[in-house]
Amino acid sequence: MDDTAKYLIHASIAADGVVERSDVVGAVFGQTEGLLGDELDLRDLQQSSKVGRIDVQIDSENGQSFGRITIASSLDKVETAILAASLETIDRVGPCQASVEVTNIEDVREAKRRKVIDRAKELLAGSFDESVMDSSKILEEVRESVRIDDITEYHGLPAGPRVPDADAVIVVEGRADVLTLLQYGIKNAVAVEGTNVPDAVADMSAERTVTAFLDGDRGGELILRELAQVGDVDYVVFAPEGRSVEDLERHEVMSALRDKTPYGDLFGDGEPAPSSAGRGEGVENGDGPAESVPAAVASAATASTAEATRSDEDETSGTVGTEADDTSESNGSVRDDPSTLRGHVRAVIESETGSARLLDDDFAVIETVPAADAFDAVSTADPAPYAVVLDGELTQRSLDVAAQRGVEQFVARSSGEMVKTPVDVRVRTIDQLATAD
């Protein structure tokens, strides 16, 4: 009954004589019986659990008795009020004159609500963390967990998960730089963790295309000098002067990687150059090239800033590796012969041949097939192509197989809607290529 009670009837009782609890209970039942009819008979109501037990507390003093009566009710308000009023008709308890007065009818649910409110106030005051995360902190925490999950080791060095099998690798200074690039979706970075380049990175540079992405300070220059002496460097990217790679925003990272400088172009006239144009085969004079780096860094940073306005047009390519984009001579004029990527684009796309041309890393033709057979040609070509020129629409299916085969550049007449763009393939349409020129 206590669990279903909605109201508690509270009444006071006074008797001119000494009475016991059982006397009061008997008087309640005896003097209200038949008073309210069968529907509100107290005994029947108790048997049907609509009224609870009659709780009586009685004390006697100086020949008189005083006490309290409490009755739980699950009746509605009107019926409960009538039942309470009937208690005041009691005028005798045992042999003694008595009087009963209803003091109040308590709403049990209201009492529970007050208890809930009071407890809620306590919980609000003491159980909640005072600090509230804003959306930026939530995003940062989730991103940090993803970066930590993704970071691996390459011969004990902090690295992205793609480093062991990627053809193009980005060499950075420290673990924080690797984490920053991971945050932006770049998973082929490895850290040297100091100016002493580890043997693992030096050996790897002889077999893969390497981009050195370094801080814009003296430490970055020293790492480049060491890396050039013990290994091969293909491309160089420096953060703006006085800034670190880990401090750069996503658009700054992507723009810098797209506008990277071939290692040989860092040296002016009269300075020792690498032994090959495509890859740095060490340096003939260890001190000569290093002295030219600061000036070259400033020049490269200026060029990167000047070209920032066109970088957004290529951002969909997701290029983070290194590409030998030989679309122009050193004097800036475009070559038309088919030994350049631009020459093949003119020969295949601008001439509307309806074909696809697979090229090696010297831009020599591996195979030319109808545009409709591009997917099969790329998937079966031996050796795998370095670049593909397609007079047609690039599809997600063709782009996926190009990424799987290690294709580094893909130029098409147009591009369909892409669900994902592999980061190791530089994708451009003929319009984007023309805009870049």
Protein backbone atom coordinates (compact mmCIF):
# COMPACT_ATOMS: atom_id res chain seq x y z
CA MET A 1 0.00 0.00 0.00
CA ASP A 2 2.80 2.40 0.86
CA ASP A 3 4.14 2.16 -2.68
CA THR A 4 0.79 3.11 -4.24
CA ALA A 5 -0.44 5.69 -1.71
CA LYS A 6 -1.16 9.11 -3.16
CA TYR A 7 -2.20 10.92 0.04
CA LEU A 8 -1.54 10.74 3.77
CA ILE A 9 -4.32 11.86 6.16
CA HIS A 10 -2.83 13.40 9.32
CA ALA A 11 -5.13 13.93 12.35
CA SER A 12 -4.63 14.75 16.02
CA ILE A 13 -6.60 13.06 18.84
CA ALA A 14 -7.22 14.03 22.46
CA ALA A 15 -9.06 11.91 25.06
CA ASP A 16 -10.16 12.67 28.64
CA GLY A 17 -8.63 9.58 30.13
CA VAL A 18 -5.97 6.95 29.55
CA VAL A 19 -6.47 5.04 26.30
CA GLU A 20 -4.33 2.66 24.25
CA ARG A 21 -3.57 2.46 20.55
CA SER A 22 -6.01 -0.42 20.08
CA ASP A 23 -8.77 1.72 21.61
CA VAL A 24 -8.18 4.46 19.02
CA VAL A 25 -8.13 2.02 16.09
CA GLY A 26 -11.35 0.40 17.32
CA ALA A 27 -13.02 3.80 17.63
CA VAL A 28 -12.01 4.74 14.07
CA PHE A 29 -13.50 1.58 12.59
CA GLY A 30 -16.54 1.46 14.90
CA GLN A 31 -17.68 5.07 14.66
CA THR A 32 -17.17 5.46 10.88
CA GLU A 33 -18.79 2.15 9.95
CA GLY A 34 -21.85 2.69 7.75
CA LEU A 35 -21.39 6.45 7.89
CA LEU A 36 -20.31 6.89 4.28
CA GLY A 37 -22.03 3.94 2.62
CA ASP A 38 -20.59 0.74 1.26
CA GLU A 39 -18.33 2.39 -1.30
CA LEU A 40 -16.36 4.29 1.35
CA ASP A 41 -16.55 1.73 4.17
CA LEU A 42 -13.14 1.81 5.81
CA ARG A 43 -12.85 -1.97 6.27
CA ASP A 44 -13.76 -2.63 2.65
CA LEU A 45 -11.31 0.00 1.50
CA GLN A 46 -8.52 -1.64 3.48
CA GLN A 47 -9.33 -5.08 2.12
CA SER A 48 -9.18 -3.73 -1.45
CA SER A 49 -5.86 -1.95 -0.64
CA LYS A 50 -7.33 1.46 -1.36
CA VAL A 51 -6.60 2.54 2.19
CA GLY A 52 -3.56 1.55 4.20
CA ARG A 53 -3.17 0.57 7.81
CA ILE A 54 -4.21 3.03 10.52
CA ASP A 55 -1.06 4.24 12.24
CA VAL A 56 -1.65 5.59 15.76
CA GLN A 57 0.82 7.12 18.20
CA ILE A 58 -0.69 7.85 21.65
CA ASP A 59 0.78 9.15 24.91
CA SER A 60 -0.90 9.61 28.31
CA GLU A 61 -0.13 12.30 30.90
CA ASN A 62 -2.04 13.57 33.96
CA GLY A 63 -4.98 11.36 33.23
CA GLN A 64 -5.35 12.52 29.63
CA SER A 65 -4.18 11.03 26.30
CA PHE A 66 -2.88 12.83 23.22
CA GLY A 67 -1.71 11.42 19.93
CA ARG A 68 -1.63 11.36 16.12
CA ILE A 69 -3.46 9.30 13.53
CA THR A 70 -2.03 8.68 10.05
CA ILE A 71 -3.92 6.90 7.25
CA ALA A 72 -2.51 6.27 3.74
CA SER A 73 -4.99 6.61 0.87
CA SER A 74 -4.88 5.76 -2.84
CA LEU A 75 -8.34 7.23 -3.42
CA ASP A 76 -8.80 10.38 -5.44
CA LYS A 77 -8.78 13.82 -3.82
CA VAL A 78 -12.55 14.03 -3.21
CA GLU A 79 -12.87 10.57 -1.71
CA THR A 80 -9.79 11.11 0.46
CA ALA A 81 -11.17 14.42 1.76
CA ILE A 82 -14.53 12.78 2.63
CA LEU A 83 -12.76 9.94 4.44
CA ALA A 84 -10.65 12.45 6.39
CA ALA A 85 -13.69 14.47 7.38
CA SER A 86 -15.40 11.33 8.69
CA LEU A 87 -12.62 10.97 11.28
CA GLU A 88 -13.77 14.17 12.96
CA THR A 89 -17.12 12.53 13.84
CA ILE A 90 -15.34 10.38 16.46
CA ASP A 91 -16.35 11.62 19.95
CA ARG A 92 -15.44 8.69 22.20
CA VAL A 93 -12.47 6.35 22.56
CA GLY A 94 -13.30 3.49 24.87
CA PRO A 95 -15.07 4.93 27.93
CA CYS A 96 -13.50 8.39 27.43
CA GLN A 97 -14.70 11.52 25.73
CA ALA A 98 -12.46 12.31 22.76
CA SER A 99 -12.04 14.70 19.88
CA VAL A 100 -10.29 14.24 16.50
CA GLU A 101 -9.11 17.03 14.21
CA VAL A 102 -7.62 16.54 10.73
CA THR A 103 -4.49 18.68 10.60
CA ASN A 104 -3.62 18.21 6.92
CA ILE A 105 -3.76 15.91 3.92
CA GLU A 106 -0.30 15.39 2.47
CA ASP A 107 0.22 14.75 -1.23
CA VAL A 108 2.79 11.95 -1.26
CA ARG A 109 3.79 12.64 -4.85
CA GLU A 110 4.52 16.28 -4.02
CA ALA A 111 6.72 15.15 -1.16
CA LYS A 112 8.60 12.87 -3.54
CA ARG A 113 8.96 15.71 -6.03
CA ARG A 114 10.43 17.95 -3.34
CA LYS A 115 12.85 15.20 -2.42
CA VAL A 116 13.84 14.77 -6.06
CA ILE A 117 14.36 18.51 -6.47
CA ASP A 118 16.49 18.77 -3.33
CA ARG A 119 18.61 15.81 -4.36
CA ALA A 120 18.98 17.15 -7.90
CA LYS A 121 20.27 20.43 -6.49
CA GLU A 122 22.88 18.52 -4.49
CA LEU A 123 23.95 16.54 -7.53
CA LEU A 124 24.11 19.65 -9.70
CA ALA A 125 26.29 21.41 -7.16
CA GLY A 126 28.75 18.63 -6.49
CA SER A 127 28.68 15.89 -9.10
CA PHE A 128 29.41 17.66 -12.37
CA ASP A 129 32.81 18.69 -13.71
CA GLU A 130 32.98 22.45 -13.82
CA SER A 131 34.83 22.45 -17.13
CA VAL A 132 32.65 22.19 -20.22
CA MET A 133 34.22 21.10 -23.52
CA ASP A 134 33.48 23.32 -26.47
CA SER A 135 33.22 21.85 -29.97
CA SER A 136 36.84 22.64 -30.86
CA LYS A 137 38.14 20.75 -27.83
CA ILE A 138 35.93 17.78 -28.63
CA LEU A 139 37.19 17.70 -32.21
CA GLU A 140 40.80 18.04 -31.10
CA GLU A 141 40.47 15.21 -28.59
CA VAL A 142 38.96 12.89 -31.18
CA ARG A 143 41.57 13.84 -33.76
CA GLU A 144 44.36 13.27 -31.26
CA SER A 145 43.09 9.77 -30.50
CA VAL A 146 43.01 8.98 -34.23
CA ARG A 147 46.54 10.31 -34.72
CA ILE A 148 47.86 8.26 -31.80
CA ASP A 149 46.16 5.14 -33.14
CA ASP A 150 47.62 5.69 -36.63
CA ILE A 151 51.22 6.49 -35.73
CA THR A 152 53.60 3.56 -36.02
CA GLU A 153 57.34 3.01 -36.00
CA TYR A 154 59.76 2.52 -38.88
CA HIS A 155 63.01 1.04 -37.57
CA GLY A 156 62.29 2.67 -34.22
CA LEU A 157 61.40 6.08 -35.74
CA PRO A 158 57.94 7.71 -35.49
CA ALA A 159 56.19 7.17 -38.81
CA GLY A 160 52.85 7.05 -40.56
CA PRO A 161 51.33 3.66 -41.40
CA ARG A 162 52.14 3.98 -45.13
CA VAL A 163 55.89 4.46 -44.74
CA PRO A 164 56.92 0.76 -44.97
CA ASP A 165 55.36 0.26 -48.41
CA ALA A 166 54.99 3.74 -49.95
CA ASP A 167 57.03 4.68 -53.04
CA ALA A 168 57.12 8.33 -51.94
CA VAL A 169 58.13 9.28 -48.40
CA ILE A 170 58.17 12.61 -46.57
CA VAL A 171 61.04 13.11 -44.12
CA VAL A 172 60.25 15.47 -41.21
CA GLU A 173 62.09 16.47 -38.09
CA GLY A 174 60.12 15.10 -35.11
CA ARG A 175 57.21 13.03 -33.86
CA ALA A 176 54.97 16.11 -33.55
CA ASP A 177 55.42 16.78 -37.28
CA VAL A 178 54.34 13.20 -38.11
CA LEU A 179 51.25 13.64 -35.92
CA THR A 180 50.37 16.92 -37.63
CA LEU A 181 50.58 15.36 -41.08
CA LEU A 182 48.52 12.38 -39.89
CA GLN A 183 45.85 14.82 -38.76
CA TYR A 184 45.67 16.13 -42.32
CA GLY A 185 45.45 12.62 -43.82
CA ILE A 186 49.13 12.30 -44.81
CA LYS A 187 50.32 8.85 -43.75
CA ASN A 188 53.71 8.51 -45.45
CA ALA A 189 55.87 10.73 -43.20
CA VAL A 190 58.82 9.56 -41.09
CA ALA A 191 60.74 11.60 -38.47
CA VAL A 192 64.55 11.67 -38.16
CA GLU A 193 64.31 13.06 -34.60
CA GLY A 194 67.36 15.28 -34.73
CA THR A 195 70.08 16.50 -37.07
CA ASN A 196 71.81 13.10 -37.09
CA VAL A 197 69.94 11.31 -39.87
CA PRO A 198 69.43 7.61 -38.99
CA ASP A 199 70.81 4.94 -41.34
CA ALA A 200 67.30 3.58 -41.92
CA VAL A 201 66.21 6.89 -43.48
CA ALA A 202 69.45 7.26 -45.46
CA ASP A 203 69.11 3.73 -46.90
CA MET A 204 65.43 4.24 -47.68
CA SER A 205 66.16 7.46 -49.59
CA ALA A 206 68.26 5.56 -52.14
CA GLU A 207 65.24 3.48 -53.20
CA ARG A 208 62.29 5.86 -52.86
CA THR A 209 61.23 9.35 -53.84
CA VAL A 210 62.03 11.52 -50.83
CA THR A 211 60.67 14.94 -49.93
CA ALA A 212 62.35 16.70 -47.01
CA PHE A 213 59.66 18.78 -45.23
CA LEU A 214 61.55 20.77 -42.62
CA ASP A 215 61.13 23.60 -40.12
CA GLY A 216 61.95 27.11 -41.26
CA ASP A 217 64.93 27.50 -38.95
CA ARG A 218 68.61 26.60 -38.61
CA GLY A 219 67.73 23.10 -37.45
CA GLY A 220 65.87 22.43 -40.69
CA GLU A 221 68.88 23.56 -42.72
CA LEU A 222 71.22 21.28 -40.77
CA ILE A 223 68.94 18.27 -41.28
CA LEU A 224 68.82 18.94 -45.03
CA ARG A 225 72.62 19.18 -45.16
CA GLU A 226 73.01 15.88 -43.29
CA LEU A 227 70.32 14.13 -45.34
CA ALA A 228 71.91 15.28 -48.62
CA GLN A 229 75.31 13.97 -47.51
CA VAL A 230 74.23 10.51 -46.36
CA GLY A 231 71.26 9.86 -48.68
CA ASP A 232 69.33 11.08 -51.71
CA VAL A 233 66.88 13.98 -51.59
CA ASP A 234 64.46 14.55 -54.46
CA TYR A 235 62.43 17.51 -53.23
CA VAL A 236 62.66 20.07 -50.45
CA VAL A 237 59.90 21.94 -48.61
CA PHE A 238 60.49 24.40 -45.78
CA ALA A 239 57.93 25.83 -43.40
CA PRO A 240 57.77 29.65 -43.41
CA GLU A 241 60.72 31.27 -41.66
CA GLY A 242 60.58 30.87 -37.89
CA ARG A 243 57.74 28.34 -37.98
CA SER A 244 57.63 24.59 -37.53
CA VAL A 245 55.82 21.98 -39.60
CA GLU A 246 53.70 21.09 -36.57
CA ASP A 247 52.40 24.71 -36.43
CA LEU A 248 51.03 24.77 -39.99
CA GLU A 249 47.36 24.63 -40.91
CA ARG A 250 46.08 22.02 -43.35
CA HIS A 251 45.92 24.37 -46.35
CA GLU A 252 49.46 25.55 -45.63
CA VAL A 253 50.77 21.97 -45.55
CA MET A 254 49.01 20.97 -48.76
CA SER A 255 50.08 24.13 -50.58
CA ALA A 256 53.70 23.71 -49.49
CA LEU A 257 53.84 20.07 -50.61
CA ARG A 258 52.35 20.91 -54.01
CA ASP A 259 54.86 23.71 -54.52
CA LYS A 260 57.89 21.76 -53.35
CA THR A 261 61.24 22.55 -54.91
CA PRO A 262 63.45 19.94 -56.65
CA TYR A 263 66.61 19.56 -54.61
CA GLY A 264 68.83 20.61 -57.51
CA ASP A 265 66.93 23.89 -57.96
CA LEU A 266 67.93 25.06 -54.48
CA PHE A 267 71.40 25.96 -55.76
CA GLY A 268 72.13 29.03 -57.86
CA ASP A 269 74.63 29.43 -60.70
CA GLY A 270 78.17 28.54 -59.75
CA GLU A 271 77.06 26.39 -56.81
CA PRO A 272 77.72 22.63 -56.78
CA ALA A 273 74.62 20.73 -57.93
CA PRO A 274 73.52 17.15 -57.27
CA SER A 275 74.93 14.51 -59.56
CA SER A 276 71.54 13.97 -61.27
CA ALA A 277 68.64 16.29 -61.98
CA GLY A 278 65.93 13.98 -60.72
CA ARG A 279 67.59 12.78 -57.52
CA GLY A 280 70.30 14.19 -55.28
CA GLU A 281 73.17 11.64 -55.37
CA GLY A 282 74.91 13.17 -52.36
CA VAL A 283 77.06 16.32 -52.83
CA GLU A 284 80.45 16.67 -54.42
CA ASN A 285 81.55 19.34 -51.97
CA GLY A 286 79.94 18.90 -48.56
CA ASP A 287 80.34 22.54 -47.56
CA GLY A 288 79.40 24.22 -50.82
CA PRO A 289 75.71 23.33 -51.11
CA ALA A 290 75.02 23.83 -47.43
CA GLU A 291 76.12 27.44 -47.57
CA SER A 292 73.59 28.14 -50.32
CA VAL A 293 70.62 26.66 -48.49
CA PRO A 294 69.47 29.74 -46.54
CA ALA A 295 69.13 31.89 -49.65
CA ALA A 296 67.43 29.08 -51.50
CA VAL A 297 65.03 28.59 -48.63
CA ALA A 298 63.97 32.23 -48.78
CA SER A 299 63.51 31.97 -52.54
CA ALA A 300 61.43 28.81 -52.24
CA ALA A 301 59.26 30.35 -49.53
CA THR A 302 58.62 33.40 -51.72
CA ALA A 303 57.65 31.21 -54.65
CA SER A 304 55.31 29.20 -52.43
CA THR A 305 53.56 32.37 -51.30
CA ALA A 306 53.21 33.68 -54.85
CA GLU A 307 51.58 30.46 -56.02
CA ALA A 308 49.19 30.09 -53.05
CA THR A 309 46.29 31.45 -55.06
CA ARG A 310 46.41 28.54 -57.49
CA SER A 311 47.02 25.88 -54.87
CA ASP A 312 43.33 25.58 -53.97
CA GLU A 313 42.50 24.42 -57.50
CA ASP A 314 44.70 21.34 -57.08
CA GLU A 315 43.76 20.53 -53.48
CA THR A 316 41.31 17.86 -54.51
CA SER A 317 44.23 15.81 -55.82
CA GLY A 318 45.35 15.13 -52.23
CA THR A 319 49.00 15.09 -53.40
CA VAL A 320 51.34 14.44 -50.51
CA GLY A 321 54.09 12.41 -52.11
CA THR A 322 56.65 13.70 -54.63
CA GLU A 323 56.04 14.07 -58.35
CA ALA A 324 58.51 14.87 -61.11
CA ASP A 325 56.28 17.42 -62.84
CA ASP A 326 58.39 18.27 -65.86
CA THR A 327 55.82 20.49 -67.54
CA SER A 328 58.17 23.40 -68.16
CA GLU A 329 61.77 24.25 -68.92
CA SER A 330 63.82 26.21 -66.36
CA ASN A 331 63.09 29.39 -68.30
CA GLY A 332 59.32 28.86 -67.87
CA SER A 333 58.46 28.02 -71.49
CA VAL A 334 56.29 24.98 -72.12
CA ARG A 335 57.84 22.19 -74.16
CA ASP A 336 55.74 20.64 -76.89
CA ASP A 337 57.76 17.49 -77.56
CA PRO A 338 56.35 14.19 -76.25
CA SER A 339 59.20 13.73 -73.80
CA THR A 340 57.28 15.90 -71.31
CA LEU A 341 53.97 15.41 -69.54
CA ARG A 342 52.60 18.54 -71.21
CA GLY A 343 53.63 17.21 -74.62
CA HIS A 344 51.76 13.95 -74.03
CA VAL A 345 48.70 15.87 -72.81
CA ARG A 346 48.68 17.81 -76.10
CA ALA A 347 49.20 14.67 -78.13
CA VAL A 348 46.50 12.63 -76.39
CA ILE A 349 43.83 14.93 -74.91
CA GLU A 350 44.04 18.16 -76.89
CA SER A 351 44.22 16.16 -80.10
CA GLU A 352 41.04 14.31 -79.03
CA THR A 353 42.45 10.86 -79.71
CA GLY A 354 40.01 9.03 -77.44
CA SER A 355 42.92 7.05 -76.02
CA ALA A 356 44.90 6.56 -72.81
CA ARG A 357 48.70 6.71 -72.70
CA LEU A 358 50.79 5.05 -69.96
CA LEU A 359 54.18 6.67 -69.27
CA ASP A 360 57.28 5.72 -67.30
CA ASP A 361 59.17 8.09 -65.01
CA ASP A 362 61.14 9.48 -67.99
CA PHE A 363 57.81 10.18 -69.73
CA ALA A 364 58.51 7.53 -72.33
CA VAL A 365 55.46 5.71 -73.68
CA ILE A 366 54.80 2.28 -72.12
CA GLU A 367 51.53 1.65 -73.92
CA THR A 368 48.70 3.49 -75.71
CA VAL A 369 45.22 1.98 -75.55
CA PRO A 370 41.63 3.11 -76.20
CA ALA A 371 40.26 5.24 -73.36
CA ALA A 372 37.69 2.57 -72.52
CA ASP A 373 40.53 0.09 -71.83
CA ALA A 374 42.43 2.39 -69.44
CA PHE A 375 41.46 0.45 -66.31
CA ASP A 376 42.68 -2.90 -67.68
CA ALA A 377 45.85 -1.37 -69.09
CA VAL A 378 46.83 0.26 -65.79
CA SER A 379 46.04 -2.87 -63.78
CA THR A 380 48.16 -5.17 -66.00
CA ALA A 381 50.96 -2.89 -67.23
CA ASP A 382 54.50 -4.17 -66.65
CA PRO A 383 56.25 -2.13 -65.48
CA ALA A 384 53.62 -0.13 -63.61
CA PRO A 385 53.22 3.34 -65.14
CA TYR A 386 54.51 6.47 -63.47
CA ALA A 387 51.90 8.68 -65.16
CA VAL A 388 48.68 8.21 -67.15
CA VAL A 389 47.18 10.63 -69.71
CA LEU A 390 43.51 9.89 -70.48
CA ASP A 391 41.35 11.48 -73.17
CA GLY A 392 38.15 10.79 -71.23
CA GLU A 393 36.56 10.97 -67.79
CA LEU A 394 38.53 9.70 -64.81
CA THR A 395 36.40 7.35 -62.70
CA GLN A 396 36.79 6.27 -59.09
CA ARG A 397 37.51 2.73 -60.31
CA SER A 398 40.39 3.83 -62.55
CA LEU A 399 41.81 6.12 -59.86
CA ASP A 400 41.75 3.30 -57.29
CA VAL A 401 43.68 0.91 -59.53
CA ALA A 402 46.15 3.68 -60.34
CA ALA A 403 46.81 4.18 -56.62
CA GLN A 404 47.22 0.44 -56.13
CA ARG A 405 49.79 0.23 -58.96
CA GLY A 406 51.76 3.23 -57.65
CA VAL A 407 50.84 5.72 -60.41
CA GLU A 408 52.00 9.15 -59.26
CA GLN A 409 50.32 11.43 -61.83
CA PHE A 410 47.00 11.13 -63.65
CA VAL A 411 45.83 13.75 -66.17
CA ALA A 412 42.37 13.34 -67.70
CA ARG A 413 40.02 15.36 -69.87
CA SER A 414 37.52 15.45 -66.97
CA SER A 415 36.94 13.86 -63.60
CA GLY A 416 33.81 12.21 -62.30
CA GLU A 417 32.52 12.53 -58.74
CA MET A 418 35.05 10.97 -56.36
CA VAL A 419 34.16 9.37 -53.04
CA LYS A 420 37.82 9.34 -52.03
CA THR A 421 41.03 10.64 -53.58
CA PRO A 422 44.24 8.67 -52.85
CA VAL A 423 46.89 10.92 -51.36
CA ASP A 424 49.76 9.43 -53.40
CA VAL A 425 48.28 10.18 -56.83
CA ARG A 426 48.35 13.71 -58.20
CA VAL A 427 45.11 14.10 -60.16
CA ARG A 428 44.46 16.95 -62.59
CA THR A 429 42.10 17.66 -65.43
CA ILE A 430 43.32 19.39 -68.55
CA ASP A 431 41.60 22.59 -67.37
CA GLN A 432 43.43 22.50 -64.06
CA LEU A 433 46.72 21.88 -65.85
CA ALA A 434 46.10 24.85 -68.10
CA THR A 435 45.20 27.06 -65.12
CA ALA A 436 48.39 26.03 -63.33
CA ASP A 437 50.41 27.07 -66.37
